[in-house]
Structure formats: structure tokens, C-alpha cells
Amino acid sequence: MTYIIKIDTIVHNMEEINYITEEKKQALISELNVLKTVKRKEILESLEAAKALGDLSENAEYHQAREDQGKTEDRINQIEYMLQSSVVIKKHQSSKVEIGTTAVVKKEGSKDTVTYSIVGAEEADMTHNKISNKSPLGESLFGKVKGDVVSVKTPRGLVKYTLVDIQ
């Protein structure tokens, strides 16, 4: 028997891997616990109270509770999938930019440097200088070493960054 494996399927499956820190994993577990216990109970109570009002076809409280229930169940499923499909990474030192490292970059024409933590897409947060490995800058920096210059396409055109340090 001969098996044919499509390369694009393999690449697609590798792209589905999510990277999270242990800190994010614990936050997801905590959120999941609250959703499964507290939030589900609150929604069930809202549904019971809305049912007691009668005629469900024109009962706004009932429809809102059902919508909340749907959103909660979607979020539970999303978190469970993330926890099952994610790889936990640790902050570490490396000679090249990868998930878990910190990149110090200098924008062309600027005197100041900016430090970014390279994280998985789920943890990206620009207010804390955490950029995703899938973001334009994150993708450009990925695999680069100290001293490399990368170009990032932005709405204002190409912007060049020099990789000053990797921590």
C-alpha cells in the first residue's frame, strides 16, 4: 500500500500550533474554571428566571441569556482547544530570535531602542511590548541574529529595524 502525504497539509498543521507561556496557561485554566462553574451557574439561573416570565418567543431576557450561554460555551471550547493544542514555552536566552526570547530593536531614524518579547499569537499585547511571532515585525525578526536589519511593510511603507540585542 502506498501513502501520499500532501506537504501543504503538513505545513498547515504546523502553523496551527499555538505557543503560550506557563503564566498564560495558568490564566486560561483559571478562566476556564470560572466559566465552567460560576458563569454557567449564573446563566442557568438567568434562563430559569426568564422562563418563569412566560412566552419565550418575545422574552428578551430569555434570548439574552441564551446568547450569553452560546458565547460562554464558545469561549469554553476555544480555551479547551488552546490548552490542548498549545506548546508551553519558557523565556530563554538564544543567539537568534525565537518564541520566548526578547528582541531589542532600533527603528531606522530613531535614537531610542524598543524591547519586545516574542510570544505566541494568543499572548500578543502591544501595551506590554509583547509581539506575536505571526505579526509583521515578529515574522521579520524570527530567526535573525544580533546586528541583522529587517524591513517591515507598514501602511506608511517599508520600515527598517536593526536587531540591537537578543535577551
N, C-alpha and C. Protein backbone atom coordinates (compact mmCIF):
# COMPACT_ATOMS: atom_id res chain seq x y z
N MET A 1 0.84 -1.17 0.00
CA MET A 1 0.00 0.00 0.00
C MET A 1 0.89 1.24 0.00
N THR A 2 0.53 2.24 -0.79
CA THR A 2 1.29 3.47 -0.90
C THR A 2 0.51 4.61 -0.25
N TYR A 3 1.20 5.41 0.53
CA TYR A 3 0.58 6.56 1.17
C TYR A 3 1.13 7.82 0.55
N ILE A 4 0.26 8.76 0.28
CA ILE A 4 0.68 10.05 -0.26
C ILE A 4 0.37 11.10 0.80
N ILE A 5 1.38 11.85 1.16
CA ILE A 5 1.20 12.91 2.16
C ILE A 5 1.36 14.24 1.46
N LYS A 6 0.36 15.08 1.59
CA LYS A 6 0.44 16.40 0.99
C LYS A 6 1.29 17.30 1.88
N ILE A 7 2.29 17.89 1.28
CA ILE A 7 3.19 18.78 2.03
C ILE A 7 2.43 19.98 2.57
N ASP A 8 1.51 20.55 1.79
CA ASP A 8 0.80 21.73 2.28
C ASP A 8 -0.05 21.40 3.50
N THR A 9 -0.52 20.17 3.64
CA THR A 9 -1.27 19.77 4.82
C THR A 9 -0.36 19.75 6.03
N ILE A 10 0.83 19.22 5.87
CA ILE A 10 1.78 19.18 6.98
C ILE A 10 2.14 20.59 7.42
N VAL A 11 2.44 21.45 6.47
CA VAL A 11 2.79 22.83 6.81
C VAL A 11 1.61 23.50 7.50
N HIS A 12 0.41 23.28 6.98
CA HIS A 12 -0.77 23.89 7.58
C HIS A 12 -0.93 23.43 9.03
N ASN A 13 -0.74 22.15 9.29
CA ASN A 13 -0.88 21.64 10.65
C ASN A 13 0.17 22.22 11.57
N MET A 14 1.40 22.42 11.09
CA MET A 14 2.43 23.01 11.94
C MET A 14 2.08 24.45 12.28
N GLU A 15 1.43 25.15 11.37
CA GLU A 15 1.05 26.54 11.63
C GLU A 15 -0.05 26.64 12.67
N GLU A 16 -0.76 25.55 12.91
CA GLU A 16 -1.84 25.56 13.88
C GLU A 16 -1.34 25.52 15.32
N ILE A 17 -0.07 25.25 15.52
CA ILE A 17 0.47 25.17 16.88
C ILE A 17 0.45 26.56 17.50
N ASN A 18 -0.10 26.63 18.70
CA ASN A 18 -0.11 27.88 19.45
C ASN A 18 0.99 27.79 20.51
N TYR A 19 1.64 28.89 20.76
CA TYR A 19 2.69 28.95 21.77
C TYR A 19 2.21 29.85 22.89
N ILE A 20 2.29 29.34 24.11
CA ILE A 20 1.88 30.12 25.28
C ILE A 20 2.92 29.94 26.38
N THR A 21 2.96 30.92 27.27
CA THR A 21 3.84 30.80 28.43
C THR A 21 3.09 30.04 29.53
N GLU A 22 3.82 29.59 30.52
CA GLU A 22 3.20 28.91 31.66
C GLU A 22 2.22 29.86 32.35
N GLU A 23 2.59 31.13 32.40
CA GLU A 23 1.73 32.16 33.00
C GLU A 23 0.38 32.24 32.27
N LYS A 24 0.42 32.23 30.94
CA LYS A 24 -0.80 32.29 30.14
C LYS A 24 -1.61 31.01 30.30
N LYS A 25 -0.92 29.88 30.37
CA LYS A 25 -1.61 28.59 30.57
C LYS A 25 -2.40 28.62 31.87
N GLN A 26 -1.79 29.10 32.94
CA GLN A 26 -2.47 29.17 34.23
C GLN A 26 -3.65 30.14 34.18
N ALA A 27 -3.50 31.25 33.46
CA ALA A 27 -4.60 32.21 33.32
C ALA A 27 -5.76 31.59 32.55
N LEU A 28 -5.46 30.81 31.52
CA LEU A 28 -6.50 30.13 30.75
C LEU A 28 -7.22 29.09 31.60
N ILE A 29 -6.47 28.34 32.38
CA ILE A 29 -7.06 27.32 33.26
C ILE A 29 -7.98 27.99 34.27
N SER A 30 -7.54 29.12 34.82
CA SER A 30 -8.35 29.85 35.79
C SER A 30 -9.64 30.38 35.13
N GLU A 31 -9.51 30.97 33.94
CA GLU A 31 -10.68 31.47 33.23
C GLU A 31 -11.65 30.33 32.92
N LEU A 32 -11.12 29.21 32.48
CA LEU A 32 -11.94 28.04 32.17
C LEU A 32 -12.72 27.58 33.40
N ASN A 33 -12.05 27.55 34.52
CA ASN A 33 -12.70 27.15 35.77
C ASN A 33 -13.86 28.08 36.12
N VAL A 34 -13.64 29.38 36.00
CA VAL A 34 -14.70 30.36 36.30
C VAL A 34 -15.87 30.19 35.33
N LEU A 35 -15.56 30.02 34.05
CA LEU A 35 -16.62 29.87 33.05
C LEU A 35 -17.45 28.61 33.30
N LYS A 36 -16.78 27.52 33.64
CA LYS A 36 -17.49 26.25 33.83
C LYS A 36 -18.29 26.19 35.13
N THR A 37 -17.88 26.94 36.11
CA THR A 37 -18.57 26.88 37.40
C THR A 37 -19.46 28.10 37.61
N VAL A 38 -18.85 29.24 37.81
CA VAL A 38 -19.60 30.46 38.16
C VAL A 38 -20.48 30.95 37.01
N LYS A 39 -19.88 31.12 35.83
CA LYS A 39 -20.62 31.71 34.71
C LYS A 39 -21.76 30.81 34.25
N ARG A 40 -21.50 29.51 34.13
CA ARG A 40 -22.57 28.59 33.72
C ARG A 40 -23.74 28.63 34.71
N LYS A 41 -23.43 28.68 35.99
CA LYS A 41 -24.47 28.73 37.02
C LYS A 41 -25.29 30.01 36.89
N GLU A 42 -24.61 31.13 36.69
CA GLU A 42 -25.30 32.41 36.53
C GLU A 42 -26.25 32.38 35.32
N ILE A 43 -25.77 31.80 34.22
CA ILE A 43 -26.60 31.74 33.01
C ILE A 43 -27.80 30.83 33.22
N LEU A 44 -27.61 29.70 33.88
CA LEU A 44 -28.73 28.79 34.15
C LEU A 44 -29.78 29.48 35.02
N GLU A 45 -29.32 30.25 36.00
CA GLU A 45 -30.26 30.99 36.85
C GLU A 45 -31.01 32.04 36.04
N SER A 46 -30.31 32.71 35.12
CA SER A 46 -30.96 33.71 34.26
C SER A 46 -31.98 33.05 33.34
N LEU A 47 -31.64 31.88 32.82
CA LEU A 47 -32.58 31.15 31.95
C LEU A 47 -33.84 30.74 32.72
N GLU A 48 -33.65 30.24 33.93
CA GLU A 48 -34.81 29.84 34.74
C GLU A 48 -35.69 31.03 35.08
N ALA A 49 -35.06 32.15 35.43
CA ALA A 49 -35.83 33.36 35.75
C ALA A 49 -36.59 33.85 34.51
N ALA A 50 -35.94 33.80 33.36
CA ALA A 50 -36.58 34.26 32.12
C ALA A 50 -37.72 33.33 31.72
N LYS A 51 -37.55 32.03 31.91
CA LYS A 51 -38.62 31.07 31.58
C LYS A 51 -39.85 31.31 32.46
N ALA A 52 -39.62 31.72 33.68
CA ALA A 52 -40.72 31.97 34.61
C ALA A 52 -41.58 33.15 34.17
N LEU A 53 -41.03 34.00 33.32
CA LEU A 53 -41.79 35.16 32.83
C LEU A 53 -42.82 34.78 31.77
N GLY A 54 -42.73 33.55 31.25
CA GLY A 54 -43.70 33.08 30.26
C GLY A 54 -43.23 33.28 28.84
N ASP A 55 -44.15 33.28 27.90
CA ASP A 55 -43.95 33.40 26.45
C ASP A 55 -42.50 33.66 26.02
N LEU A 56 -41.81 32.58 25.68
CA LEU A 56 -40.38 32.67 25.34
C LEU A 56 -40.13 33.31 23.99
N SER A 57 -41.12 33.33 23.10
CA SER A 57 -40.91 33.87 21.76
C SER A 57 -40.63 35.38 21.78
N GLU A 58 -41.17 36.09 22.74
CA GLU A 58 -40.95 37.53 22.82
C GLU A 58 -40.32 37.93 24.16
N ASN A 59 -39.51 37.05 24.70
CA ASN A 59 -38.91 37.25 26.00
C ASN A 59 -37.45 37.66 25.83
N ALA A 60 -37.18 38.95 25.92
CA ALA A 60 -35.83 39.48 25.68
C ALA A 60 -34.82 38.93 26.68
N GLU A 61 -35.24 38.76 27.93
CA GLU A 61 -34.34 38.23 28.95
C GLU A 61 -33.90 36.81 28.61
N TYR A 62 -34.84 36.00 28.12
CA TYR A 62 -34.55 34.62 27.73
C TYR A 62 -33.57 34.59 26.55
N HIS A 63 -33.84 35.40 25.55
CA HIS A 63 -32.98 35.43 24.36
C HIS A 63 -31.58 35.93 24.71
N GLN A 64 -31.49 36.90 25.62
CA GLN A 64 -30.18 37.40 26.04
C GLN A 64 -29.41 36.31 26.81
N ALA A 65 -30.11 35.60 27.68
CA ALA A 65 -29.47 34.52 28.44
C ALA A 65 -28.99 33.41 27.51
N ARG A 66 -29.78 33.08 26.48
CA ARG A 66 -29.36 32.06 25.51
C ARG A 66 -28.14 32.53 24.72
N GLU A 67 -28.12 33.81 24.37
CA GLU A 67 -26.96 34.37 23.65
C GLU A 67 -25.72 34.31 24.54
N ASP A 68 -25.87 34.69 25.80
CA ASP A 68 -24.76 34.63 26.75
C ASP A 68 -24.28 33.19 26.92
N GLN A 69 -25.22 32.25 26.94
CA GLN A 69 -24.87 30.84 27.07
C GLN A 69 -24.04 30.39 25.87
N GLY A 70 -24.46 30.79 24.68
CA GLY A 70 -23.73 30.43 23.47
C GLY A 70 -22.32 31.00 23.46
N LYS A 71 -22.18 32.26 23.85
CA LYS A 71 -20.86 32.90 23.90
C LYS A 71 -19.96 32.22 24.94
N THR A 72 -20.54 31.89 26.07
CA THR A 72 -19.77 31.22 27.13
C THR A 72 -19.29 29.85 26.68
N GLU A 73 -20.18 29.08 26.06
CA GLU A 73 -19.79 27.75 25.59
C GLU A 73 -18.74 27.84 24.48
N ASP A 74 -18.86 28.85 23.61
CA ASP A 74 -17.85 29.06 22.57
C ASP A 74 -16.48 29.36 23.20
N ARG A 75 -16.48 30.20 24.22
CA ARG A 75 -15.22 30.55 24.87
C ARG A 75 -14.63 29.34 25.59
N ILE A 76 -15.47 28.54 26.23
CA ILE A 76 -15.00 27.32 26.89
C ILE A 76 -14.33 26.41 25.85
N ASN A 77 -14.99 26.21 24.72
CA ASN A 77 -14.43 25.36 23.67
C ASN A 77 -13.11 25.93 23.14
N GLN A 78 -13.06 27.24 22.98
CA GLN A 78 -11.85 27.90 22.49
C GLN A 78 -10.69 27.69 23.47
N ILE A 79 -10.94 27.89 24.74
CA ILE A 79 -9.89 27.71 25.75
C ILE A 79 -9.44 26.26 25.82
N GLU A 80 -10.39 25.34 25.80
CA GLU A 80 -10.03 23.92 25.85
C GLU A 80 -9.17 23.54 24.65
N TYR A 81 -9.52 24.06 23.47
CA TYR A 81 -8.72 23.78 22.27
C TYR A 81 -7.32 24.38 22.41
N MET A 82 -7.24 25.62 22.91
CA MET A 82 -5.93 26.25 23.08
C MET A 82 -5.06 25.46 24.04
N LEU A 83 -5.64 25.01 25.13
CA LEU A 83 -4.88 24.25 26.11
C LEU A 83 -4.41 22.91 25.54
N GLN A 84 -5.22 22.29 24.71
CA GLN A 84 -4.85 21.01 24.12
C GLN A 84 -3.83 21.16 23.00
N SER A 85 -3.92 22.24 22.23
CA SER A 85 -3.08 22.38 21.05
C SER A 85 -1.86 23.27 21.26
N SER A 86 -1.70 23.82 22.44
CA SER A 86 -0.61 24.75 22.69
C SER A 86 0.64 24.07 23.21
N VAL A 87 1.75 24.69 22.88
CA VAL A 87 3.05 24.27 23.40
C VAL A 87 3.47 25.35 24.39
N VAL A 88 3.80 24.92 25.61
CA VAL A 88 4.22 25.88 26.63
C VAL A 88 5.70 26.19 26.41
N ILE A 89 5.99 27.49 26.31
CA ILE A 89 7.37 27.92 26.10
C ILE A 89 7.85 28.68 27.32
N LYS A 90 9.14 28.68 27.50
CA LYS A 90 9.74 29.41 28.61
C LYS A 90 10.61 30.51 28.06
N LYS A 91 10.66 31.61 28.79
CA LYS A 91 11.56 32.70 28.43
C LYS A 91 12.97 32.15 28.52
N HIS A 92 13.76 32.41 27.48
CA HIS A 92 15.11 31.85 27.47
C HIS A 92 16.05 32.72 26.64
N GLN A 93 17.30 32.45 26.81
CA GLN A 93 18.36 33.14 26.09
C GLN A 93 18.66 32.35 24.82
N SER A 94 18.91 33.04 23.72
CA SER A 94 19.26 32.39 22.47
C SER A 94 20.10 33.34 21.63
N SER A 95 20.79 32.80 20.67
CA SER A 95 21.60 33.63 19.78
C SER A 95 20.77 34.14 18.61
N LYS A 96 19.54 33.63 18.47
CA LYS A 96 18.65 34.10 17.41
C LYS A 96 17.26 34.36 17.99
N VAL A 97 16.49 35.15 17.29
CA VAL A 97 15.14 35.50 17.75
C VAL A 97 14.22 34.30 17.54
N GLU A 98 13.54 33.91 18.61
CA GLU A 98 12.56 32.85 18.55
C GLU A 98 11.54 33.09 19.65
N ILE A 99 10.49 32.29 19.66
CA ILE A 99 9.46 32.46 20.68
C ILE A 99 10.09 32.21 22.05
N GLY A 100 9.86 33.15 22.96
CA GLY A 100 10.43 33.04 24.30
C GLY A 100 11.64 33.94 24.50
N THR A 101 12.12 34.55 23.42
CA THR A 101 13.26 35.46 23.57
C THR A 101 12.75 36.91 23.58
N THR A 102 13.64 37.81 23.92
CA THR A 102 13.33 39.22 23.93
C THR A 102 14.26 39.90 22.93
N ALA A 103 13.67 40.68 22.03
CA ALA A 103 14.44 41.35 20.99
C ALA A 103 14.48 42.85 21.26
N VAL A 104 15.68 43.39 21.21
CA VAL A 104 15.86 44.84 21.36
C VAL A 104 16.13 45.38 19.95
N VAL A 105 15.23 46.26 19.49
CA VAL A 105 15.35 46.77 18.13
C VAL A 105 15.44 48.29 18.12
N LYS A 106 16.02 48.79 17.04
CA LYS A 106 16.11 50.23 16.85
C LYS A 106 15.54 50.54 15.48
N LYS A 107 14.53 51.38 15.45
CA LYS A 107 13.89 51.77 14.20
C LYS A 107 14.80 52.74 13.46
N GLU A 108 14.91 52.56 12.16
CA GLU A 108 15.76 53.44 11.35
C GLU A 108 15.32 54.89 11.53
N GLY A 109 16.27 55.76 11.84
CA GLY A 109 15.97 57.17 12.04
C GLY A 109 15.63 57.52 13.48
N SER A 110 15.61 56.56 14.36
CA SER A 110 15.29 56.80 15.77
C SER A 110 16.55 56.61 16.61
N LYS A 111 16.63 57.34 17.70
CA LYS A 111 17.76 57.21 18.61
C LYS A 111 17.48 56.16 19.69
N ASP A 112 16.21 55.90 19.94
CA ASP A 112 15.81 55.01 21.02
C ASP A 112 15.63 53.57 20.55
N THR A 113 15.85 52.65 21.48
CA THR A 113 15.58 51.25 21.21
C THR A 113 14.26 50.86 21.87
N VAL A 114 13.67 49.80 21.37
CA VAL A 114 12.44 49.25 21.94
C VAL A 114 12.67 47.76 22.17
N THR A 115 12.23 47.28 23.32
CA THR A 115 12.39 45.88 23.67
C THR A 115 11.05 45.16 23.54
N TYR A 116 11.05 44.09 22.76
CA TYR A 116 9.84 43.30 22.53
C TYR A 116 10.06 41.87 22.98
N SER A 117 9.08 41.31 23.68
CA SER A 117 9.07 39.88 23.99
C SER A 117 8.37 39.19 22.84
N ILE A 118 8.96 38.13 22.33
CA ILE A 118 8.36 37.38 21.22
C ILE A 118 7.51 36.26 21.84
N VAL A 119 6.21 36.34 21.60
CA VAL A 119 5.26 35.40 22.19
C VAL A 119 4.37 34.81 21.11
N GLY A 120 3.57 33.82 21.49
CA GLY A 120 2.58 33.27 20.58
C GLY A 120 1.45 34.26 20.36
N ALA A 121 0.65 34.01 19.34
CA ALA A 121 -0.42 34.93 18.95
C ALA A 121 -1.41 35.20 20.08
N GLU A 122 -1.68 34.22 20.91
CA GLU A 122 -2.67 34.38 21.97
C GLU A 122 -2.23 35.39 23.03
N GLU A 123 -0.94 35.59 23.17
CA GLU A 123 -0.44 36.47 24.23
C GLU A 123 -0.01 37.86 23.74
N ALA A 124 -0.08 38.11 22.46
CA ALA A 124 0.36 39.39 21.92
C ALA A 124 -0.36 40.54 22.64
N ASP A 125 0.41 41.53 23.04
CA ASP A 125 -0.13 42.67 23.77
C ASP A 125 0.84 43.85 23.61
N MET A 126 0.54 44.73 22.69
CA MET A 126 1.44 45.85 22.41
C MET A 126 1.61 46.80 23.59
N THR A 127 0.62 46.87 24.48
CA THR A 127 0.76 47.75 25.64
C THR A 127 1.87 47.27 26.58
N HIS A 128 2.21 45.97 26.49
CA HIS A 128 3.29 45.41 27.30
C HIS A 128 4.48 44.97 26.43
N ASN A 129 4.53 45.48 25.19
CA ASN A 129 5.60 45.16 24.24
C ASN A 129 5.78 43.67 24.02
N LYS A 130 4.66 42.95 23.95
CA LYS A 130 4.67 41.53 23.61
C LYS A 130 4.13 41.40 22.20
N ILE A 131 4.99 40.96 21.27
CA ILE A 131 4.54 40.82 19.89
C ILE A 131 4.51 39.35 19.49
N SER A 132 3.57 39.05 18.64
CA SER A 132 3.38 37.69 18.18
C SER A 132 4.44 37.31 17.16
N ASN A 133 4.78 36.05 17.16
CA ASN A 133 5.69 35.54 16.13
C ASN A 133 5.03 35.61 14.76
N LYS A 134 3.71 35.83 14.71
CA LYS A 134 2.99 35.91 13.44
C LYS A 134 2.72 37.36 13.02
N SER A 135 3.10 38.32 13.84
CA SER A 135 2.92 39.73 13.49
C SER A 135 3.96 40.10 12.42
N PRO A 136 3.74 41.17 11.69
CA PRO A 136 4.73 41.54 10.66
C PRO A 136 6.15 41.73 11.22
N LEU A 137 6.29 42.42 12.34
CA LEU A 137 7.62 42.61 12.92
C LEU A 137 8.15 41.30 13.49
N GLY A 138 7.29 40.55 14.17
CA GLY A 138 7.69 39.27 14.74
C GLY A 138 8.17 38.30 13.68
N GLU A 139 7.44 38.22 12.57
CA GLU A 139 7.85 37.34 11.47
C GLU A 139 9.18 37.78 10.87
N SER A 140 9.35 39.10 10.73
CA SER A 140 10.59 39.63 10.15
C SER A 140 11.79 39.35 11.04
N LEU A 141 11.60 39.43 12.35
CA LEU A 141 12.70 39.22 13.29
C LEU A 141 13.01 37.75 13.52
N PHE A 142 12.03 36.89 13.33
CA PHE A 142 12.16 35.47 13.66
C PHE A 142 13.37 34.84 12.95
N GLY A 143 14.24 34.23 13.76
CA GLY A 143 15.42 33.55 13.22
C GLY A 143 16.61 34.46 12.98
N LYS A 144 16.44 35.75 13.16
CA LYS A 144 17.52 36.70 12.92
C LYS A 144 18.47 36.73 14.12
N VAL A 145 19.69 37.24 13.87
CA VAL A 145 20.70 37.34 14.91
C VAL A 145 21.07 38.81 15.12
N LYS A 146 21.74 39.06 16.23
CA LYS A 146 22.15 40.41 16.60
C LYS A 146 22.88 41.08 15.43
N GLY A 147 22.47 42.32 15.13
CA GLY A 147 23.09 43.08 14.05
C GLY A 147 22.32 43.02 12.74
N ASP A 148 21.42 42.05 12.58
CA ASP A 148 20.64 41.95 11.35
C ASP A 148 19.69 43.14 11.22
N VAL A 149 19.43 43.50 9.97
CA VAL A 149 18.48 44.57 9.66
C VAL A 149 17.30 43.92 8.94
N VAL A 150 16.09 44.26 9.39
CA VAL A 150 14.88 43.71 8.77
C VAL A 150 14.01 44.85 8.26
N SER A 151 13.25 44.57 7.22
CA SER A 151 12.30 45.54 6.69
C SER A 151 10.90 45.02 6.95
N VAL A 152 10.05 45.91 7.44
CA VAL A 152 8.67 45.55 7.76
C VAL A 152 7.74 46.44 6.95
N LYS A 153 6.82 45.80 6.25
CA LYS A 153 5.85 46.54 5.45
C LYS A 153 4.75 47.07 6.38
N THR A 154 4.56 48.38 6.36
CA THR A 154 3.53 49.03 7.17
C THR A 154 2.63 49.84 6.24
N PRO A 155 1.50 50.34 6.74
CA PRO A 155 0.64 51.18 5.89
C PRO A 155 1.37 52.43 5.37
N ARG A 156 2.40 52.87 6.06
CA ARG A 156 3.17 54.05 5.63
C ARG A 156 4.37 53.68 4.77
N GLY A 157 4.53 52.40 4.47
CA GLY A 157 5.66 51.96 3.65
C GLY A 157 6.59 51.06 4.43
N LEU A 158 7.75 50.77 3.84
CA LEU A 158 8.72 49.91 4.49
C LEU A 158 9.43 50.64 5.62
N VAL A 159 9.55 49.94 6.75
CA VAL A 159 10.27 50.48 7.90
C VAL A 159 11.38 49.49 8.23
N LYS A 160 12.59 50.01 8.41
CA LYS A 160 13.72 49.15 8.72
C LYS A 160 14.02 49.19 10.21
N TYR A 161 14.33 48.01 10.74
CA TYR A 161 14.70 47.86 12.14
C TYR A 161 16.03 47.12 12.20
N THR A 162 16.89 47.57 13.12
CA THR A 162 18.15 46.87 13.39
C THR A 162 17.96 46.10 14.69
N LEU A 163 18.35 44.84 14.65
CA LEU A 163 18.28 44.00 15.84
C LEU A 163 19.51 44.28 16.67
N VAL A 164 19.34 45.05 17.74
CA VAL A 164 20.43 45.51 18.57
C VAL A 164 20.91 44.42 19.53
N ASP A 165 19.95 43.67 20.10
CA ASP A 165 20.33 42.64 21.08
C ASP A 165 19.22 41.61 21.19
N ILE A 166 19.59 40.44 21.66
CA ILE A 166 18.63 39.37 21.95
C ILE A 166 18.86 38.96 23.38
N GLN A 167 17.82 38.98 24.16
CA GLN A 167 17.95 38.66 25.59
C GLN A 167 17.17 37.40 25.92
